[in-house]
Protein backbone atom coordinates (compact mmCIF):
# COMPACT_ATOMS: atom_id res chain seq x y z
CA MET A 1 -28.15 62.12 105.47
CA ILE A 2 -31.33 60.59 104.03
CA ASP A 3 -31.93 56.96 104.83
CA PRO A 4 -31.08 55.04 101.58
CA THR A 5 -33.80 52.60 102.08
CA HIS A 6 -36.30 55.40 101.34
CA LEU A 7 -34.70 55.83 97.80
CA ASP A 8 -34.50 52.11 97.43
CA ALA A 9 -38.35 51.90 98.00
CA TRP A 10 -38.82 54.86 95.61
CA PHE A 11 -37.07 53.14 92.80
CA ALA A 12 -38.63 49.81 93.49
CA ALA A 13 -42.15 51.25 93.21
CA ARG A 14 -41.32 52.80 89.72
CA GLU A 15 -40.03 49.67 87.94
CA GLN A 16 -43.02 49.87 85.38
CA GLU A 17 -42.46 53.58 84.90
CA MET A 18 -38.75 52.87 84.21
CA LEU A 19 -39.74 50.14 81.76
CA SER A 20 -42.17 52.50 80.06
CA LEU A 21 -39.65 55.16 79.50
CA LEU A 22 -37.15 52.62 78.15
CA ALA A 23 -39.61 51.31 75.73
CA ARG A 24 -40.33 54.82 74.53
CA LEU A 25 -36.70 55.69 74.13
CA VAL A 26 -35.84 52.47 72.36
CA ASN A 27 -38.62 52.93 69.81
CA ILE A 28 -36.89 56.15 68.69
CA ASP A 29 -34.43 56.01 65.97
CA SER A 30 -31.42 57.87 67.36
CA GLY A 31 -28.24 56.95 65.30
CA SER A 32 -25.54 59.47 65.63
CA HIS A 33 -26.00 60.72 62.16
CA HIS A 34 -29.70 61.31 62.65
CA PRO A 35 -29.84 64.47 64.73
CA ALA A 36 -33.65 64.82 64.76
CA GLY A 37 -34.00 61.34 66.33
CA VAL A 38 -31.21 61.89 68.87
CA THR A 39 -32.85 65.19 69.92
CA ALA A 40 -36.26 63.33 70.32
CA VAL A 41 -34.70 61.05 72.70
CA ALA A 42 -33.34 64.03 74.66
CA GLU A 43 -36.81 65.71 74.49
CA ALA A 44 -38.33 62.62 76.02
CA ILE A 45 -35.87 62.56 78.90
CA ALA A 46 -35.93 66.27 79.41
CA ALA A 47 -39.82 66.08 79.64
CA PHE A 48 -39.55 63.47 82.27
CA LEU A 49 -37.15 65.37 84.34
CA GLU A 50 -39.11 68.55 84.20
CA GLU A 51 -42.16 66.65 85.30
CA HIS A 52 -40.27 65.45 88.43
CA GLY A 53 -38.86 68.91 89.32
CA VAL A 54 -35.40 68.54 87.73
CA ALA A 55 -34.11 71.80 86.12
CA VAL A 56 -33.14 71.29 82.41
CA GLU A 57 -30.92 73.33 80.25
CA TRP A 58 -30.62 72.91 76.36
CA LEU A 59 -27.26 72.95 74.73
CA PRO A 60 -27.92 73.13 70.83
CA GLN A 61 -25.28 71.34 68.62
CA ALA A 62 -24.74 71.79 64.88
CA GLY A 63 -24.75 68.85 62.79
CA VAL A 64 -25.72 66.40 65.56
CA GLY A 65 -28.46 65.98 68.24
CA HIS A 66 -28.86 68.62 70.92
CA ILE A 67 -27.43 68.08 74.53
CA VAL A 68 -29.38 68.27 77.69
CA ARG A 69 -27.85 69.18 80.93
CA ALA A 70 -29.84 68.84 84.15
CA ARG A 71 -29.28 69.87 87.64
CA VAL A 72 -30.54 68.86 91.06
CA ASP A 73 -29.60 71.37 93.84
CA GLY A 74 -28.06 70.23 97.02
CA PRO A 75 -25.77 71.63 99.78
CA ALA A 76 -22.91 73.72 98.52
CA GLY A 77 -19.92 71.83 97.23
CA PRO A 78 -18.53 70.11 94.10
CA PRO A 79 -21.16 68.37 92.18
CA ILE A 80 -21.48 64.73 91.13
CA LEU A 81 -21.91 64.24 87.32
CA LEU A 82 -24.08 61.33 85.83
CA LEU A 83 -23.21 60.84 82.20
CA GLY A 84 -24.78 59.26 79.38
CA HIS A 85 -25.35 59.51 75.52
CA CYS A 86 -28.55 59.50 73.54
CA ASP A 87 -27.23 58.31 70.28
CA THR A 88 -26.90 54.67 68.96
CA VAL A 89 -25.14 52.95 66.02
CA PHE A 90 -28.39 51.84 64.23
CA PRO A 91 -29.87 53.32 61.09
CA VAL A 92 -33.18 55.01 60.46
CA GLY A 93 -35.97 52.35 60.42
CA GLU A 94 -34.36 49.90 62.81
CA ALA A 95 -36.84 50.86 65.50
CA ALA A 96 -39.70 49.94 63.31
CA ARG A 97 -38.02 46.63 62.14
CA ARG A 98 -36.96 45.64 65.83
CA PRO A 99 -39.31 47.66 68.23
CA PHE A 100 -38.86 47.21 71.99
CA ARG A 101 -39.99 43.78 73.34
CA ILE A 102 -39.52 41.70 76.57
CA GLU A 103 -38.68 38.09 76.40
CA GLY A 104 -37.47 35.80 79.05
CA GLY A 105 -36.54 38.46 81.60
CA ARG A 106 -34.63 40.53 79.02
CA ALA A 107 -35.58 43.53 77.04
CA PHE A 108 -34.54 43.89 73.33
CA GLY A 109 -34.49 46.62 70.86
CA PRO A 110 -31.95 49.01 69.11
CA GLY A 111 -29.72 50.75 71.76
CA VAL A 112 -31.57 49.12 74.59
CA ALA A 113 -28.28 48.49 76.57
CA ASP A 114 -26.12 50.97 74.83
CA MET A 115 -27.14 52.93 76.44
CA LYS A 116 -30.91 53.74 76.72
CA ALA A 117 -31.36 51.67 79.93
CA GLY A 118 -28.58 53.74 81.29
CA LEU A 119 -30.32 56.90 80.37
CA VAL A 120 -33.48 55.73 82.08
CA MET A 121 -31.44 54.92 85.22
CA ASN A 122 -29.86 58.32 85.41
CA ALA A 123 -33.06 60.07 84.73
CA PHE A 124 -34.88 58.25 87.62
CA VAL A 125 -31.80 58.75 89.99
CA LEU A 126 -31.86 62.53 89.32
CA ALA A 127 -35.76 62.43 89.65
CA GLY A 128 -35.43 60.43 92.95
CA PHE A 129 -33.29 62.90 94.66
CA ALA A 130 -35.40 65.88 93.36
CA GLN A 131 -38.54 64.44 94.46
CA SER A 132 -37.14 63.46 97.99
CA ARG A 133 -35.31 66.89 98.22
CA ALA A 134 -32.46 64.90 99.66
CA ALA A 135 -29.70 65.54 97.18
CA PRO A 136 -26.51 65.44 99.46
CA CYS A 137 -24.73 67.73 96.99
CA PRO A 138 -25.49 69.17 93.62
CA LEU A 139 -26.20 66.69 91.11
CA LEU A 140 -25.65 67.14 87.32
CA GLY A 141 -26.95 65.03 84.48
CA LEU A 142 -25.51 65.16 81.07
CA PHE A 143 -27.28 63.43 78.21
CA THR A 144 -25.08 63.81 75.09
CA SER A 145 -25.54 63.14 71.46
CA ASP A 146 -22.64 61.97 69.41
CA GLU A 147 -20.62 59.41 71.82
CA GLU A 148 -20.71 56.55 69.16
CA ILE A 149 -18.84 58.73 66.63
CA GLY A 150 -16.13 59.76 69.19
CA SER A 151 -17.98 62.76 70.64
CA PRO A 152 -16.67 65.51 68.17
CA LYS A 153 -19.12 67.94 69.51
CA GLY A 154 -19.89 66.50 72.93
CA ARG A 155 -16.29 66.11 74.20
CA SER A 156 -15.97 69.95 75.05
CA VAL A 157 -19.34 70.11 76.84
CA ILE A 158 -18.33 66.87 78.80
CA GLU A 159 -15.06 68.31 79.78
CA ALA A 160 -16.47 71.73 80.76
CA THR A 161 -19.14 70.19 82.83
CA ALA A 162 -16.79 67.69 84.54
CA ARG A 163 -14.19 70.08 85.61
CA GLY A 164 -14.46 70.66 89.34
CA CYS A 165 -16.78 67.84 89.89
CA ARG A 166 -16.44 65.48 92.98
CA ALA A 167 -16.88 62.53 90.61
CA VAL A 168 -18.17 61.19 87.38
CA LEU A 169 -20.45 58.26 87.19
CA ASN A 170 -21.14 56.87 83.65
CA ALA A 171 -24.10 54.85 82.69
CA GLU A 172 -22.67 52.72 79.99
CA PRO A 173 -24.22 49.23 80.22
CA GLY A 174 -22.93 47.02 83.08
CA ARG A 175 -20.83 44.35 81.75
CA PRO A 176 -22.48 40.83 80.93
CA SER A 177 -20.54 39.53 83.94
CA GLY A 178 -22.36 42.06 86.13
CA ASN A 179 -19.19 44.12 86.72
CA VAL A 180 -18.49 47.80 86.18
CA CYS A 181 -15.55 49.29 84.17
CA ASN A 182 -12.68 50.87 85.96
CA ALA A 183 -10.37 50.74 82.88
CA ARG A 184 -10.96 51.24 79.25
CA LYS A 185 -8.85 51.69 76.10
CA GLY A 186 -8.42 54.94 74.34
CA GLY A 187 -9.24 54.99 70.72
CA ILE A 188 -8.55 57.15 67.53
CA PHE A 189 -10.70 57.02 64.50
CA ALA A 190 -8.87 58.46 61.55
CA GLU A 191 -8.77 58.49 57.68
CA ILE A 192 -5.80 58.06 55.43
CA ARG A 193 -6.32 59.50 51.91
CA ILE A 194 -3.83 58.65 49.15
CA GLU A 195 -3.49 60.62 45.88
CA GLY A 196 -1.85 58.93 42.95
CA ARG A 197 -1.91 59.35 39.17
CA ALA A 198 -4.54 57.90 36.75
CA ALA A 199 -3.44 56.04 33.49
CA HIS A 200 -4.85 53.55 31.26
CA ALA A 201 -4.24 50.11 32.72
CA GLY A 202 -3.28 48.72 29.39
CA SER A 203 -1.66 51.22 27.19
CA ALA A 204 -0.16 53.52 29.68
CA TRP A 205 0.32 51.41 32.83
CA ALA A 206 3.71 52.78 33.40
CA GLU A 207 2.52 56.34 33.58
CA GLY A 208 0.25 55.63 36.53
CA ARG A 209 0.94 55.91 40.14
CA SER A 210 -1.53 53.51 41.98
CA ALA A 211 -2.97 54.96 45.07
CA ILE A 212 -4.40 51.46 45.92
CA LEU A 213 -0.96 49.89 45.83
CA GLU A 214 0.35 52.65 48.12
CA LEU A 215 -2.53 52.20 50.53
CA ALA A 216 -1.73 48.36 50.48
CA HIS A 217 1.92 49.09 51.49
CA LYS A 218 0.64 51.44 54.24
CA THR A 219 -1.87 48.98 55.55
CA LEU A 220 0.83 46.34 56.01
CA ALA A 221 3.03 48.87 57.88
CA LEU A 222 0.28 50.03 60.00
CA ALA A 223 -0.53 46.39 61.03
CA ARG A 224 2.99 45.97 62.22
CA LEU A 225 2.49 48.64 64.86
CA SER A 226 0.12 46.55 66.67
CA ASP A 227 1.51 45.22 69.97
CA PRO A 228 -1.16 43.15 71.71
CA GLU A 229 0.95 42.71 74.86
CA ARG A 230 0.95 46.45 75.49
CA GLY A 231 -2.66 46.85 74.42
CA ILE A 232 -1.89 48.52 71.30
CA THR A 233 -3.97 47.68 68.13
CA VAL A 234 -4.03 49.11 64.65
CA ASN A 235 -7.06 48.03 62.41
CA VAL A 236 -7.58 49.21 58.86
CA GLY A 237 -11.42 48.64 58.91
CA VAL A 238 -12.60 50.22 55.62
CA VAL A 239 -11.05 50.83 52.32
CA ARG A 240 -12.13 52.51 49.26
CA GLY A 241 -10.54 53.69 45.86
CA GLY A 242 -10.02 53.62 42.32
CA GLN A 243 -11.82 54.77 39.25
CA SER A 244 -12.35 51.59 37.06
CA VAL A 245 -10.99 48.19 36.65
CA ASN A 246 -8.89 49.30 33.61
CA THR A 247 -7.57 52.52 35.21
CA VAL A 248 -4.48 52.84 37.48
CA ALA A 249 -6.10 54.12 40.81
CA PRO A 250 -5.88 57.74 41.11
CA TRP A 251 -7.10 57.81 44.75
CA ALA A 252 -7.72 55.53 47.78
CA GLU A 253 -8.53 56.04 51.28
CA ALA A 254 -8.94 54.03 54.49
CA GLU A 255 -10.52 54.21 57.82
CA VAL A 256 -8.22 53.25 60.73
CA ASP A 257 -8.87 52.28 64.37
CA LEU A 258 -6.03 52.98 66.70
CA ARG A 259 -6.27 51.58 70.22
CA TYR A 260 -3.98 51.91 73.35
CA ILE A 261 -4.30 51.58 77.07
CA ARG A 262 -1.94 54.11 78.53
CA LEU A 263 -2.22 57.84 77.62
CA ALA A 264 1.43 57.93 77.54
CA ASP A 265 1.30 55.67 74.37
CA ARG A 266 -0.85 58.11 72.41
CA GLU A 267 1.90 60.49 71.12
CA PRO A 268 4.40 57.63 70.17
CA LEU A 269 1.69 55.73 68.43
CA LEU A 270 0.58 58.78 66.36
CA ALA A 271 4.16 59.55 65.53
CA ALA A 272 4.65 56.04 64.10
CA VAL A 273 1.52 56.43 62.10
CA GLY A 274 2.55 59.65 60.94
CA ALA A 275 6.00 58.25 59.70
CA ILE A 276 4.22 55.57 57.64
CA VAL A 277 1.80 58.15 56.04
CA ALA A 278 4.78 60.26 55.18
CA GLN A 279 6.79 57.60 53.58
CA ALA A 280 5.78 56.75 49.89
CA THR A 281 6.57 53.30 48.52
CA VAL A 282 4.90 54.06 45.28
CA PRO A 283 6.83 57.16 43.84
CA ASP A 284 4.87 60.37 43.34
CA THR A 285 2.02 59.36 45.59
CA ARG A 286 0.93 61.80 48.28
CA ALA A 287 -0.97 60.84 51.64
CA THR A 288 -2.69 62.73 54.31
CA PHE A 289 -4.00 61.75 57.77
CA ALA A 290 -6.79 63.08 59.63
CA ILE A 291 -8.38 62.34 63.04
CA LYS A 292 -12.21 61.98 62.78
CA GLY A 293 -12.87 61.01 66.35
CA GLU A 294 -11.16 60.15 69.47
CA PHE A 295 -11.58 58.78 73.03
CA LEU A 296 -8.97 58.93 75.81
CA PRO A 297 -8.32 55.86 77.94
CA LEU A 298 -9.86 55.39 81.27
CA GLU A 299 -6.94 54.69 83.58
CA PRO A 300 -7.45 53.69 87.24
CA THR A 301 -6.23 55.96 89.94
CA PRO A 302 -6.20 55.77 93.83
CA ALA A 303 -9.22 58.18 93.69
CA SER A 304 -11.21 56.03 91.28
CA ASP A 305 -10.28 52.92 93.22
CA ARG A 306 -11.89 54.49 96.21
CA LEU A 307 -14.94 55.31 94.11
CA LEU A 308 -15.06 51.85 93.02
CA ALA A 309 -15.03 50.67 96.67
CA LEU A 310 -18.00 52.92 97.49
CA TYR A 311 -19.93 51.31 94.56
CA GLN A 312 -19.10 47.95 95.64
CA SER A 313 -20.21 48.62 99.27
CA ALA A 314 -23.52 49.98 97.91
CA ALA A 315 -24.06 46.91 95.92
CA ARG A 316 -23.31 44.47 98.73
CA ALA A 317 -25.88 46.29 100.82
CA LEU A 318 -28.47 45.58 98.04
CA GLY A 319 -27.41 42.00 97.83
CA PHE A 320 -25.17 41.83 94.74
CA SER A 321 -21.51 41.93 94.09
CA VAL A 322 -19.39 43.73 91.37
CA GLU A 323 -15.75 43.92 90.44
CA GLY A 324 -14.04 46.49 88.37
CA GLU A 325 -13.31 45.18 84.90
CA PHE A 326 -11.22 46.28 81.79
CA SER A 327 -12.75 46.81 78.43
CA GLY A 328 -11.17 47.38 75.03
CA GLY A 329 -14.07 49.53 74.17
CA CYS A 330 -14.00 53.29 74.48
CA ALA A 331 -16.34 55.65 76.21
CA ASP A 332 -16.69 59.23 77.21
CA SER A 333 -15.49 58.38 80.62
CA GLY A 334 -12.04 58.58 79.43
CA PHE A 335 -12.41 62.34 78.83
CA THR A 336 -13.32 62.96 82.51
CA ALA A 337 -10.76 60.66 83.89
CA ALA A 338 -7.91 62.52 81.88
CA LEU A 339 -9.11 65.80 83.68
CA GLY A 340 -8.21 64.09 87.00
CA VAL A 341 -11.87 63.67 88.04
CA PRO A 342 -12.53 60.24 89.81
CA THR A 343 -14.55 58.35 87.19
CA LEU A 344 -16.36 55.03 87.14
CA CYS A 345 -17.90 53.56 84.06
CA SER A 346 -20.45 50.91 83.11
CA LEU A 347 -22.87 51.52 86.09
CA GLY A 348 -26.04 51.16 83.92
CA PRO A 349 -28.26 48.06 83.96
CA VAL A 350 -26.51 44.90 82.85
CA GLY A 351 -26.63 44.10 79.30
CA GLY A 352 -24.73 42.53 76.23
CA LYS A 353 -24.39 42.03 72.64
CA GLY A 354 -24.26 45.84 72.03
CA HIS A 355 -24.17 47.21 68.43
CA THR A 356 -26.03 43.87 67.20
CA PRO A 357 -29.52 42.90 66.59
CA GLU A 358 -29.15 40.45 69.66
CA GLU A 359 -28.59 43.50 72.06
CA TYR A 360 -30.27 42.91 75.39
CA VAL A 361 -30.71 44.33 78.98
CA GLU A 362 -31.29 42.14 81.93
CA LEU A 363 -34.44 43.62 83.35
CA ALA A 364 -33.79 42.38 86.86
CA THR A 365 -30.91 44.75 87.17
CA LEU A 366 -32.75 47.93 86.16
CA VAL A 367 -33.76 48.82 89.72
CA PRO A 368 -30.91 47.49 91.66
CA ARG A 369 -28.41 49.40 89.53
CA ALA A 370 -30.47 52.51 90.16
CA GLN A 371 -30.51 51.79 93.89
CA ALA A 372 -26.69 51.27 94.02
CA LEU A 373 -26.05 54.43 91.97
CA ALA A 374 -28.06 56.46 94.47
CA ARG A 375 -26.45 54.85 97.51
CA THR A 376 -22.96 55.55 95.96
CA ILE A 377 -23.98 59.13 95.63
CA LEU A 378 -24.92 59.36 99.13
CA ALA A 379 -21.65 57.62 100.31
CA LEU A 380 -19.42 59.81 98.06
CA ALA A 381 -21.11 63.12 99.33
CA ALA A 382 -20.69 62.02 103.00
CA GLN A 383 -16.93 61.53 102.66
């Protein structure tokens, strides 16, 4: 097996190159609903990988950015998958308003932590193994395009790529504590649509059937499904509806966020929501329910516990310590964990304040997290 200190030195010598690529990616608008921008991020990564001898495959997607799958050959055996997404939550123009900058040991800019620093880390780890010709097993890199909206197109690609892998290492940002994630909630993003009956609010009020009133009843009923002690929450985050102030509302809709910890809770939660959708409090109103995006939970297993131990050992050898941490946020790592593939998340450089104008990455963690990831790959393949 290659001496890991050789790879450590390779990453340490390329810190400025890592920062340069990070700045380039952050300064590209790549909101999930801006396919051209997301694809531009993937193009920058693909160009870097090809320059460093990494094979790249394009997987075109309709309606979202294109996906890049990379491969570094190694001795025969199950591959290890490095996972990351190129999309962010920010609108077009945000990169121009808040371009990449460094201040006080931190880098700032839209998507700098979630998760462009992680993309840079994965790209350099793949390049490091390719350049040294020392991959201990086949390595795959998947750079997806729609994670921030629930991976409606990416999920099938992620699952197809992860099946049969030795492990999945996801480069979501390291927690502000410095920890990694070994457990995450599952989440369902859904829409409820109510159809009522319009009527003049003054002269024919009794003839109307208010969709807004029905939605209000359903909102209260949905809120009662929350059970924080079990990690179940239901949040009606967006509501729309109505025609005019003097019309009984003929329609209304809501966007609903459902969260849970255990996969076993998914079906009972959906059944409870379905019962609320089906039951009309306002007569003659009708409701429909549609899932728009979904993540599965990342649940720890003995195999993922062993994977965490390998990462912790690699970190200790480099002079820092990490623990496994639970997050109520969702990630693509839940899809791979649900397949039974040992999965560890939030291995990217440490950052915080994601999805806000204050989002940051701790620059001092960029190289050490790449080194720890490479050492974990070596240790995992040696088992």
